[in-house]
Amino acid sequence: MASHTIAGETFRSTDAFARALRAQADGVGPWSDRNDATGIDGLERAINDAGPWLHVVADVVRQWIDDDDIARRSMGVAVAWRVAGAIGASFLVERLTGHRARFDGVAPVGVPTNQPDLRWSLLMALDRAVTVDDTDAIALLRDAVQEPRGFWILNGLGRVDVDWLLAHAAVVIPKRALGAGLAAMPDTARRIALVRAMAPWSDEERRAAIASPLWSMRDDAEPIRDALLHA
């Protein structure tokens, strides 16, 4: 097997690469920089540069997610979104539904995260992994998107189940999360449809949305904003 250089380190085999990934998780891996905030920074550089060996990362991350050690499990969950497609939606759904006690309400240990528990980090990964053929994953995301933090996982449904998302937009997308909803839509026509689907808009909600900085990020802001003014 040909050697492969990943984030400045050369490996002669996928096994050697996998060992380096595990060492990195233990704080003794080869990827480090004085500017790193945490040990996960070097791991993420390796993941980003894995290229054709990304499947090796996915295998290791699956093992971490199943690890009894909470710190190792936290590490796997924290980086799962970066290799979500290679991990696969079915694996994530099975952990979220068949092993809830290992993730639901379990706080991460030793890794930086914006998520309240390991379950939500896995849901963020599932949001990236889901395809139109993953019916169980779509059903799970439909349920989760209706939770208070549901607007964090709109992109997956916007990609594979946009008609359902538009039909339920008034219920599942808070007015304050309009920017997230627009980002999840695949085109301008659907963004305009989303604004109308989220109606009725109170004057206060409309003013808050119009004042948002989100418009400067959109090339199609004018027709969407016009739809909002008349929704």
C-alpha atoms as a PDB file:
ATOM      1  CA  MET A   1       0.000   0.000   0.000  1.00  0.00           C
ATOM      2  CA  ALA A   2       1.336   3.446  -0.917  1.00  0.00           C
ATOM      3  CA  SER A   3       2.223   5.810   1.900  1.00  0.00           C
ATOM      4  CA  HIS A   4       0.049   8.838   2.532  1.00  0.00           C
ATOM      5  CA  THR A   5       0.932  12.212   4.066  1.00  0.00           C
ATOM      6  CA  ILE A   6      -1.757  13.692   6.283  1.00  0.00           C
ATOM      7  CA  ALA A   7      -1.402  17.121   7.878  1.00  0.00           C
ATOM      8  CA  GLY A   8       2.380  16.912   7.617  1.00  0.00           C
ATOM      9  CA  GLU A   9       2.751  13.346   8.883  1.00  0.00           C
ATOM     10  CA  THR A  10       3.519  10.428   6.554  1.00  0.00           C
ATOM     11  CA  PHE A  11       2.024   6.979   7.185  1.00  0.00           C
ATOM     12  CA  ARG A  12       2.939   3.746   5.452  1.00  0.00           C
ATOM     13  CA  SER A  13      -0.350   2.030   6.249  1.00  0.00           C
ATOM     14  CA  THR A  14      -3.916   2.736   7.263  1.00  0.00           C
ATOM     15  CA  ASP A  15      -3.243   0.871  10.505  1.00  0.00           C
ATOM     16  CA  ALA A  16      -0.468   3.327  11.360  1.00  0.00           C
ATOM     17  CA  PHE A  17      -2.801   6.214  10.612  1.00  0.00           C
ATOM     18  CA  ALA A  18      -5.498   4.709  12.838  1.00  0.00           C
ATOM     19  CA  ARG A  19      -2.982   4.325  15.682  1.00  0.00           C
ATOM     20  CA  ALA A  20      -1.987   7.966  15.306  1.00  0.00           C
ATOM     21  CA  LEU A  21      -5.633   9.042  15.484  1.00  0.00           C
ATOM     22  CA  ARG A  22      -6.095   7.086  18.717  1.00  0.00           C
ATOM     23  CA  ALA A  23      -2.911   8.566  20.133  1.00  0.00           C
ATOM     24  CA  GLN A  24      -4.125  12.040  19.263  1.00  0.00           C
ATOM     25  CA  ALA A  25      -7.316  11.400  21.213  1.00  0.00           C
ATOM     26  CA  ASP A  26      -5.143  10.390  24.180  1.00  0.00           C
ATOM     27  CA  GLY A  27      -3.134  13.619  23.958  1.00  0.00           C
ATOM     28  CA  VAL A  28       0.063  12.066  22.611  1.00  0.00           C
ATOM     29  CA  GLY A  29      -0.585  12.145  18.860  1.00  0.00           C
ATOM     30  CA  PRO A  30       1.615  13.641  16.155  1.00  0.00           C
ATOM     31  CA  TRP A  31      -0.522  16.652  15.298  1.00  0.00           C
ATOM     32  CA  SER A  32       0.161  19.556  17.604  1.00  0.00           C
ATOM     33  CA  ASP A  33       0.726  23.275  17.300  1.00  0.00           C
ATOM     34  CA  ARG A  34       1.447  25.876  19.929  1.00  0.00           C
ATOM     35  CA  ASN A  35      -1.613  27.800  18.764  1.00  0.00           C
ATOM     36  CA  ASP A  36      -3.956  24.852  19.373  1.00  0.00           C
ATOM     37  CA  ALA A  37      -6.653  25.604  21.922  1.00  0.00           C
ATOM     38  CA  THR A  38      -7.301  21.904  22.621  1.00  0.00           C
ATOM     39  CA  GLY A  39      -6.034  18.518  21.472  1.00  0.00           C
ATOM     40  CA  ILE A  40      -9.002  18.238  19.156  1.00  0.00           C
ATOM     41  CA  ASP A  41      -7.577  20.951  16.876  1.00  0.00           C
ATOM     42  CA  GLY A  42      -4.809  18.678  15.594  1.00  0.00           C
ATOM     43  CA  LEU A  43      -7.261  15.824  15.167  1.00  0.00           C
ATOM     44  CA  GLU A  44      -9.493  18.025  13.035  1.00  0.00           C
ATOM     45  CA  ARG A  45      -6.536  18.994  10.835  1.00  0.00           C
ATOM     46  CA  ALA A  46      -5.847  15.317  10.264  1.00  0.00           C
ATOM     47  CA  ILE A  47      -9.499  14.675   9.431  1.00  0.00           C
ATOM     48  CA  ASN A  48      -9.607  17.571   6.983  1.00  0.00           C
ATOM     49  CA  ASP A  49      -6.521  16.244   5.190  1.00  0.00           C
ATOM     50  CA  ALA A  50      -7.360  12.528   5.287  1.00  0.00           C
ATOM     51  CA  GLY A  51      -8.545  12.431   1.676  1.00  0.00           C
ATOM     52  CA  PRO A  52      -8.827   8.812   0.435  1.00  0.00           C
ATOM     53  CA  TRP A  53      -8.180   7.570   3.962  1.00  0.00           C
ATOM     54  CA  LEU A  54     -11.241   9.280   5.392  1.00  0.00           C
ATOM     55  CA  HIS A  55     -12.824   5.851   5.811  1.00  0.00           C
ATOM     56  CA  VAL A  56     -10.104   5.080   8.368  1.00  0.00           C
ATOM     57  CA  VAL A  57     -11.179   8.113  10.386  1.00  0.00           C
ATOM     58  CA  ALA A  58     -14.809   6.991  10.147  1.00  0.00           C
ATOM     59  CA  ASP A  59     -13.927   3.521  11.458  1.00  0.00           C
ATOM     60  CA  VAL A  60     -12.016   4.971  14.419  1.00  0.00           C
ATOM     61  CA  VAL A  61     -14.757   7.493  15.198  1.00  0.00           C
ATOM     62  CA  ARG A  62     -17.385   4.727  15.176  1.00  0.00           C
ATOM     63  CA  GLN A  63     -15.271   2.859  17.734  1.00  0.00           C
ATOM     64  CA  TRP A  64     -14.998   5.973  19.903  1.00  0.00           C
ATOM     65  CA  ILE A  65     -18.743   6.556  19.759  1.00  0.00           C
ATOM     66  CA  ASP A  66     -19.246   3.009  21.059  1.00  0.00           C
ATOM     67  CA  ASP A  67     -16.548   3.314  23.731  1.00  0.00           C
ATOM     68  CA  ASP A  68     -17.515   2.808  27.380  1.00  0.00           C
ATOM     69  CA  ASP A  69     -15.095   5.559  28.380  1.00  0.00           C
ATOM     70  CA  ILE A  70     -17.068   8.813  28.417  1.00  0.00           C
ATOM     71  CA  ALA A  71     -14.093  10.953  27.381  1.00  0.00           C
ATOM     72  CA  ARG A  72     -13.361   8.770  24.345  1.00  0.00           C
ATOM     73  CA  ARG A  73     -17.072   8.641  23.479  1.00  0.00           C
ATOM     74  CA  SER A  74     -17.213  12.426  23.776  1.00  0.00           C
ATOM     75  CA  MET A  75     -14.287  12.747  21.385  1.00  0.00           C
ATOM     76  CA  GLY A  76     -15.992  10.541  18.816  1.00  0.00           C
ATOM     77  CA  VAL A  77     -19.266  12.393  19.085  1.00  0.00           C
ATOM     78  CA  ALA A  78     -17.530  15.766  18.877  1.00  0.00           C
ATOM     79  CA  VAL A  79     -15.886  15.032  15.526  1.00  0.00           C
ATOM     80  CA  ALA A  80     -18.611  12.815  14.047  1.00  0.00           C
ATOM     81  CA  TRP A  81     -20.100  15.677  12.060  1.00  0.00           C
ATOM     82  CA  ARG A  82     -16.822  16.058  10.161  1.00  0.00           C
ATOM     83  CA  VAL A  83     -17.011  12.491   8.814  1.00  0.00           C
ATOM     84  CA  ALA A  84     -20.777  12.048   8.979  1.00  0.00           C
ATOM     85  CA  GLY A  85     -21.185  10.888   5.400  1.00  0.00           C
ATOM     86  CA  ALA A  86     -18.498   8.235   5.805  1.00  0.00           C
ATOM     87  CA  ILE A  87     -19.956   7.088   9.136  1.00  0.00           C
ATOM     88  CA  GLY A  88     -23.413   6.753   7.605  1.00  0.00           C
ATOM     89  CA  ALA A  89     -26.881   7.725   8.773  1.00  0.00           C
ATOM     90  CA  SER A  90     -27.910   4.191   9.718  1.00  0.00           C
ATOM     91  CA  PHE A  91     -25.110   3.886  12.302  1.00  0.00           C
ATOM     92  CA  LEU A  92     -26.076   7.216  13.865  1.00  0.00           C
ATOM     93  CA  VAL A  93     -29.784   6.394  13.941  1.00  0.00           C
ATOM     94  CA  GLU A  94     -29.111   3.062  15.620  1.00  0.00           C
ATOM     95  CA  ARG A  95     -27.086   4.766  18.376  1.00  0.00           C
ATOM     96  CA  LEU A  96     -29.644   7.514  18.853  1.00  0.00           C
ATOM     97  CA  THR A  97     -32.563   5.112  19.115  1.00  0.00           C
ATOM     98  CA  GLY A  98     -31.080   1.867  20.416  1.00  0.00           C
ATOM     99  CA  HIS A  99     -28.546   3.262  22.901  1.00  0.00           C
ATOM    100  CA  ARG A 100     -30.241   6.427  24.149  1.00  0.00           C
ATOM    101  CA  ALA A 101     -28.881   6.157  27.695  1.00  0.00           C
ATOM    102  CA  ARG A 102     -25.314   6.487  26.394  1.00  0.00           C
ATOM    103  CA  PHE A 103     -26.027   9.841  24.720  1.00  0.00           C
ATOM    104  CA  ASP A 104     -29.305  11.428  25.836  1.00  0.00           C
ATOM    105  CA  GLY A 105     -28.638  13.834  28.702  1.00  0.00           C
ATOM    106  CA  VAL A 106     -24.984  12.783  28.898  1.00  0.00           C
ATOM    107  CA  ALA A 107     -22.694  15.805  29.134  1.00  0.00           C
ATOM    108  CA  PRO A 108     -19.501  15.675  27.050  1.00  0.00           C
ATOM    109  CA  VAL A 109     -16.173  15.287  28.856  1.00  0.00           C
ATOM    110  CA  GLY A 110     -12.926  16.879  27.733  1.00  0.00           C
ATOM    111  CA  VAL A 111     -14.053  18.357  24.410  1.00  0.00           C
ATOM    112  CA  PRO A 112     -15.348  21.812  23.439  1.00  0.00           C
ATOM    113  CA  THR A 113     -18.927  21.817  22.190  1.00  0.00           C
ATOM    114  CA  ASN A 114     -21.950  24.050  21.792  1.00  0.00           C
ATOM    115  CA  GLN A 115     -24.317  21.127  22.328  1.00  0.00           C
ATOM    116  CA  PRO A 116     -26.032  20.327  25.634  1.00  0.00           C
ATOM    117  CA  ASP A 117     -25.371  16.592  25.486  1.00  0.00           C
ATOM    118  CA  LEU A 118     -23.920  13.842  23.328  1.00  0.00           C
ATOM    119  CA  ARG A 119     -27.290  13.176  21.727  1.00  0.00           C
ATOM    120  CA  TRP A 120     -27.420  16.617  20.175  1.00  0.00           C
ATOM    121  CA  SER A 121     -23.920  16.301  18.815  1.00  0.00           C
ATOM    122  CA  LEU A 122     -24.965  13.045  17.127  1.00  0.00           C
ATOM    123  CA  LEU A 123     -28.062  14.750  15.761  1.00  0.00           C
ATOM    124  CA  MET A 124     -25.825  17.420  14.236  1.00  0.00           C
ATOM    125  CA  ALA A 125     -23.840  14.642  12.564  1.00  0.00           C
ATOM    126  CA  LEU A 126     -27.037  12.954  11.368  1.00  0.00           C
ATOM    127  CA  ASP A 127     -28.138  16.276   9.876  1.00  0.00           C
ATOM    128  CA  ARG A 128     -25.074  16.066   7.634  1.00  0.00           C
ATOM    129  CA  ALA A 129     -25.214  12.335   6.923  1.00  0.00           C
ATOM    130  CA  VAL A 130     -28.874  11.947   5.952  1.00  0.00           C
ATOM    131  CA  THR A 131     -29.771  11.152   2.328  1.00  0.00           C
ATOM    132  CA  VAL A 132     -33.130  10.861   0.597  1.00  0.00           C
ATOM    133  CA  ASP A 133     -33.001   7.083   1.045  1.00  0.00           C
ATOM    134  CA  ASP A 134     -32.533   7.214   4.836  1.00  0.00           C
ATOM    135  CA  THR A 135     -36.191   7.004   5.857  1.00  0.00           C
ATOM    136  CA  ASP A 136     -35.472   6.210   9.521  1.00  0.00           C
ATOM    137  CA  ALA A 137     -33.067   9.150   9.745  1.00  0.00           C
ATOM    138  CA  ILE A 138     -35.586  11.488   8.144  1.00  0.00           C
ATOM    139  CA  ALA A 139     -38.251  10.414  10.632  1.00  0.00           C
ATOM    140  CA  LEU A 140     -35.848  10.980  13.519  1.00  0.00           C
ATOM    141  CA  LEU A 141     -34.900  14.432  12.263  1.00  0.00           C
ATOM    142  CA  ARG A 142     -38.563  15.337  11.769  1.00  0.00           C
ATOM    143  CA  ASP A 143     -39.145  14.627  15.463  1.00  0.00           C
ATOM    144  CA  ALA A 144     -35.975  16.331  16.686  1.00  0.00           C
ATOM    145  CA  VAL A 145     -36.501  19.478  14.625  1.00  0.00           C
ATOM    146  CA  GLN A 146     -39.652  20.155  16.644  1.00  0.00           C
ATOM    147  CA  GLU A 147     -37.652  20.429  19.872  1.00  0.00           C
ATOM    148  CA  PRO A 148     -36.585  23.869  21.167  1.00  0.00           C
ATOM    149  CA  ARG A 149     -33.135  23.521  19.560  1.00  0.00           C
ATOM    150  CA  GLY A 150     -34.532  22.033  16.388  1.00  0.00           C
ATOM    151  CA  PHE A 151     -33.509  24.928  14.174  1.00  0.00           C
ATOM    152  CA  TRP A 152     -29.900  23.726  14.614  1.00  0.00           C
ATOM    153  CA  ILE A 153     -30.670  20.744  12.348  1.00  0.00           C
ATOM    154  CA  LEU A 154     -32.691  22.278   9.546  1.00  0.00           C
ATOM    155  CA  ASN A 155     -30.115  21.756   6.807  1.00  0.00           C
ATOM    156  CA  GLY A 156     -30.562  18.013   6.460  1.00  0.00           C
ATOM    157  CA  LEU A 157     -34.326  18.245   6.052  1.00  0.00           C
ATOM    158  CA  GLY A 158     -33.922  21.217   3.731  1.00  0.00           C
ATOM    159  CA  ARG A 159     -31.714  19.035   1.564  1.00  0.00           C
ATOM    160  CA  VAL A 160     -33.692  15.778   1.534  1.00  0.00           C
ATOM    161  CA  ASP A 161     -37.217  16.608   2.779  1.00  0.00           C
ATOM    162  CA  VAL A 162     -37.826  20.235   1.878  1.00  0.00           C
ATOM    163  CA  ASP A 163     -41.543  19.827   1.108  1.00  0.00           C
ATOM    164  CA  TRP A 164     -42.209  18.495   4.617  1.00  0.00           C
ATOM    165  CA  LEU A 165     -40.135  21.283   6.136  1.00  0.00           C
ATOM    166  CA  LEU A 166     -42.063  23.954   4.240  1.00  0.00           C
ATOM    167  CA  ALA A 167     -45.385  22.366   5.176  1.00  0.00           C
ATOM    168  CA  HIS A 168     -44.463  22.477   8.871  1.00  0.00           C
ATOM    169  CA  ALA A 169     -42.389  25.654   8.883  1.00  0.00           C
ATOM    170  CA  ALA A 170     -44.843  27.657  10.979  1.00  0.00           C
ATOM    171  CA  VAL A 171     -44.494  25.084  13.770  1.00  0.00           C
ATOM    172  CA  VAL A 172     -40.862  23.983  13.615  1.00  0.00           C
ATOM    173  CA  ILE A 173     -38.994  27.194  12.697  1.00  0.00           C
ATOM    174  CA  PRO A 174     -39.135  30.016  15.257  1.00  0.00           C
ATOM    175  CA  LYS A 175     -39.316  33.511  13.800  1.00  0.00           C
ATOM    176  CA  ARG A 176     -35.983  34.294  15.471  1.00  0.00           C
ATOM    177  CA  ALA A 177     -34.436  31.441  13.466  1.00  0.00           C
ATOM    178  CA  LEU A 178     -35.442  32.784  10.052  1.00  0.00           C
ATOM    179  CA  GLY A 179     -31.784  32.972   9.009  1.00  0.00           C
ATOM    180  CA  ALA A 180     -31.285  29.269   9.733  1.00  0.00           C
ATOM    181  CA  GLY A 181     -34.447  28.442   7.826  1.00  0.00           C
ATOM    182  CA  LEU A 182     -33.382  30.453   4.795  1.00  0.00           C
ATOM    183  CA  ALA A 183     -29.951  28.814   4.834  1.00  0.00           C
ATOM    184  CA  ALA A 184     -31.605  25.384   4.754  1.00  0.00           C
ATOM    185  CA  MET A 185     -33.609  26.151   1.618  1.00  0.00           C
ATOM    186  CA  PRO A 186     -32.073  25.034  -1.684  1.00  0.00           C
ATOM    187  CA  ASP A 187     -33.062  28.038  -3.811  1.00  0.00           C
ATOM    188  CA  THR A 188     -34.628  31.502  -3.824  1.00  0.00           C
ATOM    189  CA  ALA A 189     -38.109  30.247  -4.696  1.00  0.00           C
ATOM    190  CA  ARG A 190     -38.131  27.990  -1.650  1.00  0.00           C
ATOM    191  CA  ARG A 191     -36.792  30.802   0.557  1.00  0.00           C
ATOM    192  CA  ILE A 192     -39.675  33.005  -0.506  1.00  0.00           C
ATOM    193  CA  ALA A 193     -42.061  30.099   0.077  1.00  0.00           C
ATOM    194  CA  LEU A 194     -40.572  29.640   3.560  1.00  0.00           C
ATOM    195  CA  VAL A 195     -41.204  33.265   4.533  1.00  0.00           C
ATOM    196  CA  ARG A 196     -44.833  32.883   3.460  1.00  0.00           C
ATOM    197  CA  ALA A 197     -45.165  29.495   5.165  1.00  0.00           C
ATOM    198  CA  MET A 198     -44.019  31.019   8.455  1.00  0.00           C
ATOM    199  CA  ALA A 199     -46.865  33.559   8.401  1.00  0.00           C
ATOM    200  CA  PRO A 200     -48.561  35.177  10.146  1.00  0.00           C
ATOM    201  CA  TRP A 201     -45.867  37.669  11.073  1.00  0.00           C
ATOM    202  CA  SER A 202     -46.627  40.271  13.719  1.00  0.00           C
ATOM    203  CA  ASP A 203     -45.337  43.790  13.145  1.00  0.00           C
ATOM    204  CA  GLU A 204     -42.762  43.239  15.889  1.00  0.00           C
ATOM    205  CA  GLU A 205     -41.562  39.952  14.389  1.00  0.00           C
ATOM    206  CA  ARG A 206     -41.333  41.499  10.941  1.00  0.00           C
ATOM    207  CA  ARG A 207     -39.358  44.504  12.227  1.00  0.00           C
ATOM    208  CA  ALA A 208     -36.945  42.216  14.091  1.00  0.00           C
ATOM    209  CA  ALA A 209     -36.425  40.081  10.995  1.00  0.00           C
ATOM    210  CA  ILE A 210     -35.893  43.095   8.742  1.00  0.00           C
ATOM    211  CA  ALA A 211     -33.317  44.498  11.188  1.00  0.00           C
ATOM    212  CA  SER A 212     -31.336  41.254  11.242  1.00  0.00           C
ATOM    213  CA  PRO A 213     -27.812  41.222   9.750  1.00  0.00           C
ATOM    214  CA  LEU A 214     -28.729  38.045   7.833  1.00  0.00           C
ATOM    215  CA  TRP A 215     -29.668  40.038   4.718  1.00  0.00           C
ATOM    216  CA  SER A 216     -26.081  41.122   4.078  1.00  0.00           C
ATOM    217  CA  MET A 217     -25.195  37.428   3.730  1.00  0.00           C
ATOM    218  CA  ARG A 218     -27.739  36.743   0.992  1.00  0.00           C
ATOM    219  CA  ASP A 219     -27.368  37.571  -2.705  1.00  0.00           C
ATOM    220  CA  ASP A 220     -31.131  37.104  -3.080  1.00  0.00           C
ATOM    221  CA  ALA A 221     -32.060  39.284  -0.095  1.00  0.00           C
ATOM    222  CA  GLU A 222     -34.274  41.728  -2.001  1.00  0.00           C
ATOM    223  CA  PRO A 223     -37.039  39.364  -3.208  1.00  0.00           C
ATOM    224  CA  ILE A 224     -37.045  37.484   0.116  1.00  0.00           C
ATOM    225  CA  ARG A 225     -37.304  40.679   2.125  1.00  0.00           C
ATOM    226  CA  ASP A 226     -40.096  41.868  -0.137  1.00  0.00           C
ATOM    227  CA  ALA A 227     -41.961  38.606   0.516  1.00  0.00           C
ATOM    228  CA  LEU A 228     -41.517  39.161   4.248  1.00  0.00           C
ATOM    229  CA  LEU A 229     -42.915  42.688   4.038  1.00  0.00           C
ATOM    230  CA  HIS A 230     -46.054  41.354   2.343  1.00  0.00           C
ATOM    231  CA  ALA A 231     -46.421  38.030   4.190  1.00  0.00           C
END
